[in-house]
Amino acid sequence: MKAIVWSKPACGYCVKAKALLKNKGIEVEERNIAEGWDVQDLRKQVPTARTMPQIFINDKLIGGYTDLVKYFEE
C-alpha cells in the first residue's frame, strides 16, 4: 500500500495523518504545497479541496484526516 498526503506547513492534521498511516505500515509520500508543490498541483488532483491534508491511498482519494480515521474503522 502507498499513500500520498498533500500537506502544508504547520498543519496539525497533516502530521496526525502521516503518523496514522505510518503506524498502519503504509508508505507515505508527502506533497507539501510549500516545498516543491503548489496549490495548482493539488487542484489538478482534487478540484474540490478546501482543507489539508488531502489523502490518497493506492491512487484513491480518501479525503482529510477524519475521512482517513473512518477509512480505517471500516
N, C-alpha and C. Protein backbone atom coordinates (compact mmCIF):
# COMPACT_ATOMS: atom_id res chain seq x y z
N MET A 1 0.84 -1.19 0.00
CA MET A 1 0.00 0.00 0.00
C MET A 1 0.87 1.24 0.00
N LYS A 2 0.40 2.25 -0.68
CA LYS A 2 1.12 3.52 -0.71
C LYS A 2 0.13 4.66 -0.57
N ALA A 3 0.51 5.66 0.21
CA ALA A 3 -0.34 6.83 0.41
C ALA A 3 0.38 8.09 -0.06
N ILE A 4 -0.41 9.01 -0.59
CA ILE A 4 0.08 10.35 -0.90
C ILE A 4 -0.69 11.31 0.00
N VAL A 5 0.06 12.13 0.72
CA VAL A 5 -0.55 13.10 1.63
C VAL A 5 -0.18 14.49 1.15
N TRP A 6 -1.17 15.22 0.65
CA TRP A 6 -0.97 16.63 0.31
C TRP A 6 -1.05 17.41 1.61
N SER A 7 -0.03 18.21 1.90
CA SER A 7 0.03 18.90 3.18
C SER A 7 0.51 20.33 3.02
N LYS A 8 0.53 21.02 4.14
CA LYS A 8 1.06 22.39 4.18
C LYS A 8 1.79 22.55 5.51
N PRO A 9 2.68 23.56 5.61
CA PRO A 9 3.42 23.77 6.86
C PRO A 9 2.50 24.07 8.04
N ALA A 10 2.93 23.66 9.22
CA ALA A 10 2.22 23.93 10.47
C ALA A 10 0.79 23.40 10.45
N CYS A 11 0.61 22.22 9.86
CA CYS A 11 -0.72 21.61 9.77
C CYS A 11 -0.77 20.41 10.71
N GLY A 12 -1.42 20.57 11.83
CA GLY A 12 -1.51 19.50 12.82
C GLY A 12 -2.17 18.24 12.29
N TYR A 13 -3.23 18.41 11.51
CA TYR A 13 -3.93 17.23 10.96
C TYR A 13 -3.06 16.51 9.93
N CYS A 14 -2.20 17.25 9.24
CA CYS A 14 -1.28 16.62 8.29
C CYS A 14 -0.31 15.71 9.04
N VAL A 15 0.23 16.21 10.15
CA VAL A 15 1.17 15.44 10.98
C VAL A 15 0.47 14.19 11.51
N LYS A 16 -0.77 14.36 12.01
CA LYS A 16 -1.52 13.22 12.56
C LYS A 16 -1.81 12.18 11.47
N ALA A 17 -2.17 12.64 10.28
CA ALA A 17 -2.48 11.73 9.18
C ALA A 17 -1.25 10.92 8.80
N LYS A 18 -0.10 11.58 8.67
CA LYS A 18 1.14 10.87 8.31
C LYS A 18 1.50 9.85 9.38
N ALA A 19 1.35 10.22 10.64
CA ALA A 19 1.67 9.30 11.74
C ALA A 19 0.73 8.08 11.72
N LEU A 20 -0.55 8.31 11.50
CA LEU A 20 -1.51 7.21 11.45
C LEU A 20 -1.18 6.25 10.31
N LEU A 21 -0.89 6.78 9.15
CA LEU A 21 -0.54 5.94 8.01
C LEU A 21 0.71 5.12 8.28
N LYS A 22 1.73 5.76 8.85
CA LYS A 22 2.98 5.05 9.15
C LYS A 22 2.75 3.97 10.20
N ASN A 23 1.90 4.27 11.19
CA ASN A 23 1.56 3.26 12.22
C ASN A 23 0.87 2.06 11.62
N LYS A 24 0.17 2.26 10.51
CA LYS A 24 -0.52 1.16 9.82
C LYS A 24 0.41 0.45 8.84
N GLY A 25 1.67 0.90 8.79
CA GLY A 25 2.65 0.26 7.91
C GLY A 25 2.53 0.66 6.46
N ILE A 26 1.94 1.82 6.21
CA ILE A 26 1.73 2.29 4.84
C ILE A 26 2.81 3.29 4.48
N GLU A 27 3.42 3.10 3.31
CA GLU A 27 4.44 4.01 2.81
C GLU A 27 3.78 5.35 2.48
N VAL A 28 4.39 6.44 2.93
CA VAL A 28 3.81 7.77 2.76
C VAL A 28 4.70 8.64 1.87
N GLU A 29 4.09 9.22 0.84
CA GLU A 29 4.76 10.24 0.04
C GLU A 29 4.07 11.56 0.37
N GLU A 30 4.84 12.50 0.92
CA GLU A 30 4.27 13.79 1.28
C GLU A 30 4.45 14.77 0.13
N ARG A 31 3.38 15.48 -0.18
CA ARG A 31 3.45 16.55 -1.19
C ARG A 31 3.06 17.86 -0.49
N ASN A 32 4.07 18.54 0.00
CA ASN A 32 3.85 19.78 0.75
C ASN A 32 3.75 20.94 -0.23
N ILE A 33 2.64 21.69 -0.16
CA ILE A 33 2.42 22.77 -1.13
C ILE A 33 3.37 23.95 -0.94
N ALA A 34 4.20 23.93 0.11
CA ALA A 34 5.19 24.99 0.30
C ALA A 34 6.59 24.52 -0.08
N GLU A 35 6.72 23.23 -0.39
CA GLU A 35 8.05 22.66 -0.67
C GLU A 35 8.00 21.81 -1.93
N GLY A 36 8.12 22.45 -3.08
CA GLY A 36 8.20 21.71 -4.33
C GLY A 36 6.87 21.47 -5.03
N TRP A 37 5.79 21.68 -4.34
CA TRP A 37 4.45 21.52 -4.91
C TRP A 37 3.70 22.82 -4.67
N ASP A 38 2.61 23.05 -5.40
CA ASP A 38 1.81 24.23 -5.12
C ASP A 38 0.32 23.90 -5.20
N VAL A 39 -0.49 24.88 -4.86
CA VAL A 39 -1.93 24.67 -4.79
C VAL A 39 -2.49 24.24 -6.15
N GLN A 40 -1.90 24.75 -7.23
CA GLN A 40 -2.39 24.35 -8.56
C GLN A 40 -2.18 22.86 -8.81
N ASP A 41 -1.06 22.31 -8.33
CA ASP A 41 -0.82 20.87 -8.45
C ASP A 41 -1.90 20.09 -7.70
N LEU A 42 -2.21 20.55 -6.49
CA LEU A 42 -3.26 19.90 -5.69
C LEU A 42 -4.61 19.99 -6.39
N ARG A 43 -4.94 21.17 -6.90
CA ARG A 43 -6.25 21.37 -7.54
C ARG A 43 -6.43 20.46 -8.77
N LYS A 44 -5.32 20.14 -9.46
CA LYS A 44 -5.41 19.21 -10.59
C LYS A 44 -5.85 17.83 -10.11
N GLN A 45 -5.41 17.45 -8.91
CA GLN A 45 -5.75 16.15 -8.34
C GLN A 45 -7.11 16.17 -7.64
N VAL A 46 -7.36 17.25 -6.89
CA VAL A 46 -8.59 17.37 -6.09
C VAL A 46 -9.17 18.76 -6.30
N PRO A 47 -9.97 18.94 -7.36
CA PRO A 47 -10.51 20.28 -7.65
C PRO A 47 -11.35 20.86 -6.52
N THR A 48 -11.94 20.02 -5.70
CA THR A 48 -12.83 20.48 -4.63
C THR A 48 -12.12 20.68 -3.29
N ALA A 49 -10.81 20.49 -3.25
CA ALA A 49 -10.07 20.57 -1.97
C ALA A 49 -10.19 21.96 -1.35
N ARG A 50 -10.58 21.98 -0.10
CA ARG A 50 -10.68 23.24 0.65
C ARG A 50 -9.86 23.18 1.93
N THR A 51 -9.44 21.96 2.32
CA THR A 51 -8.70 21.79 3.57
C THR A 51 -7.49 20.89 3.33
N MET A 52 -6.63 20.85 4.32
CA MET A 52 -5.46 19.97 4.30
C MET A 52 -5.55 19.07 5.53
N PRO A 53 -5.06 17.88 5.46
CA PRO A 53 -4.44 17.25 4.30
C PRO A 53 -5.47 16.71 3.32
N GLN A 54 -5.01 16.35 2.14
CA GLN A 54 -5.81 15.57 1.18
C GLN A 54 -5.04 14.27 0.99
N ILE A 55 -5.69 13.15 1.27
CA ILE A 55 -5.01 11.87 1.34
C ILE A 55 -5.51 10.91 0.27
N PHE A 56 -4.55 10.29 -0.40
CA PHE A 56 -4.84 9.24 -1.38
C PHE A 56 -4.20 7.95 -0.88
N ILE A 57 -4.91 6.84 -1.00
CA ILE A 57 -4.32 5.53 -0.73
C ILE A 57 -4.50 4.71 -2.00
N ASN A 58 -3.37 4.21 -2.52
CA ASN A 58 -3.38 3.46 -3.79
C ASN A 58 -4.15 4.22 -4.87
N ASP A 59 -3.87 5.51 -5.01
CA ASP A 59 -4.46 6.38 -6.03
C ASP A 59 -5.95 6.65 -5.85
N LYS A 60 -6.54 6.27 -4.71
CA LYS A 60 -7.96 6.53 -4.44
C LYS A 60 -8.04 7.66 -3.42
N LEU A 61 -8.83 8.69 -3.72
CA LEU A 61 -8.97 9.81 -2.79
C LEU A 61 -9.74 9.36 -1.55
N ILE A 62 -9.12 9.54 -0.40
CA ILE A 62 -9.77 9.23 0.88
C ILE A 62 -10.41 10.50 1.43
N GLY A 63 -9.68 11.62 1.33
CA GLY A 63 -10.18 12.90 1.85
C GLY A 63 -9.22 13.44 2.89
N GLY A 64 -9.78 14.02 3.95
CA GLY A 64 -8.97 14.60 5.01
C GLY A 64 -8.70 13.63 6.15
N TYR A 65 -8.20 14.17 7.26
CA TYR A 65 -7.82 13.33 8.40
C TYR A 65 -9.00 12.54 8.96
N THR A 66 -10.14 13.20 9.17
CA THR A 66 -11.28 12.47 9.74
C THR A 66 -11.78 11.39 8.78
N ASP A 67 -11.68 11.65 7.47
CA ASP A 67 -12.04 10.63 6.48
C ASP A 67 -11.08 9.44 6.57
N LEU A 68 -9.82 9.73 6.84
CA LEU A 68 -8.82 8.67 6.97
C LEU A 68 -9.13 7.78 8.18
N VAL A 69 -9.48 8.42 9.30
CA VAL A 69 -9.84 7.67 10.50
C VAL A 69 -11.03 6.76 10.20
N LYS A 70 -12.06 7.29 9.54
CA LYS A 70 -13.24 6.47 9.16
C LYS A 70 -12.84 5.34 8.24
N TYR A 71 -11.94 5.60 7.29
CA TYR A 71 -11.47 4.59 6.35
C TYR A 71 -10.91 3.38 7.11
N PHE A 72 -10.12 3.63 8.15
CA PHE A 72 -9.52 2.53 8.90
C PHE A 72 -10.51 1.87 9.86
N GLU A 73 -11.58 2.57 10.23
CA GLU A 73 -12.60 1.97 11.10
C GLU A 73 -13.49 1.00 10.32
N GLU A 74 -13.59 1.18 9.00
CA GLU A 74 -14.48 0.34 8.21
C GLU A 74 -13.86 -1.03 7.92
